[in-house]
Protein backbone atom coordinates (compact mmCIF):
# COMPACT_ATOMS: atom_id res chain seq x y z
CA MET A 1 -9.44 15.06 28.93
CA LYS A 2 -10.35 11.52 27.66
CA ILE A 3 -11.87 13.56 24.74
CA LEU A 4 -8.96 15.10 23.78
CA THR A 5 -6.91 11.33 23.64
CA THR A 6 -9.91 10.12 21.33
CA PHE A 7 -9.26 12.59 19.02
CA ALA A 8 -5.67 12.58 19.65
CA ALA A 9 -5.77 9.11 18.63
CA MET A 10 -8.59 9.17 15.54
CA VAL A 11 -6.07 11.79 13.73
CA VAL A 12 -2.64 9.87 14.24
CA GLY A 13 -4.76 6.92 12.92
CA GLY A 14 -6.04 8.08 10.07
CA GLY A 15 -2.30 9.55 9.23
CA ILE A 16 -1.28 6.12 9.68
CA ALA A 17 -4.50 4.64 6.99
CA ALA A 18 -3.34 7.62 4.53
CA GLY A 19 0.57 7.14 4.68
CA SER A 20 -0.17 3.87 4.14
CA MET A 21 -2.76 4.06 1.55
CA TYR A 22 -0.60 6.32 -0.46
CA GLY A 23 2.32 4.38 -0.71
CA LEU A 24 0.47 1.32 -1.33
CA LEU A 25 -1.51 3.42 -4.51
CA ALA A 26 2.44 5.37 -5.41
CA SER A 27 3.33 1.63 -5.71
CA GLN A 28 0.65 0.21 -7.68
CA THR A 29 0.55 3.06 -9.94
CA ALA A 30 3.96 4.13 -10.67
CA ALA A 31 6.28 4.27 -14.09
CA PRO A 32 7.21 0.76 -15.62
CA ALA A 33 10.48 0.76 -13.97
CA ASN A 34 9.31 2.00 -10.66
CA SER A 35 6.43 -0.74 -10.25
CA PRO A 36 6.89 -4.01 -8.77
CA THR A 37 4.97 -5.73 -11.38
CA ASN A 38 5.86 -7.25 -14.63
CA VAL A 39 3.38 -8.57 -16.70
CA ASN A 40 5.29 -10.14 -19.60
CA ALA A 41 7.05 -11.68 -16.77
CA PRO A 42 4.61 -12.47 -13.63
CA GLU A 43 6.73 -14.49 -11.08
CA PHE A 44 4.50 -16.98 -10.29
CA ASP A 45 3.84 -19.43 -13.08
CA TYR A 46 0.39 -20.96 -11.44
CA GLY A 47 -0.08 -23.34 -14.50
CA SER A 48 3.34 -25.29 -14.57
CA ASN A 49 4.01 -28.45 -13.32
CA ASN A 50 7.92 -27.87 -13.90
């Protein structure tokens, strides 16, 4: 029974990890309209004192 619980936890954990990685990669490599980043208009201006 203990080995079955360990295996089930590994499968569930692997599924969560795979889903997280897919979501991260999909959001960062999406088309520009769907991507959260914009190189031409950075969200944070680190070089300004204004």
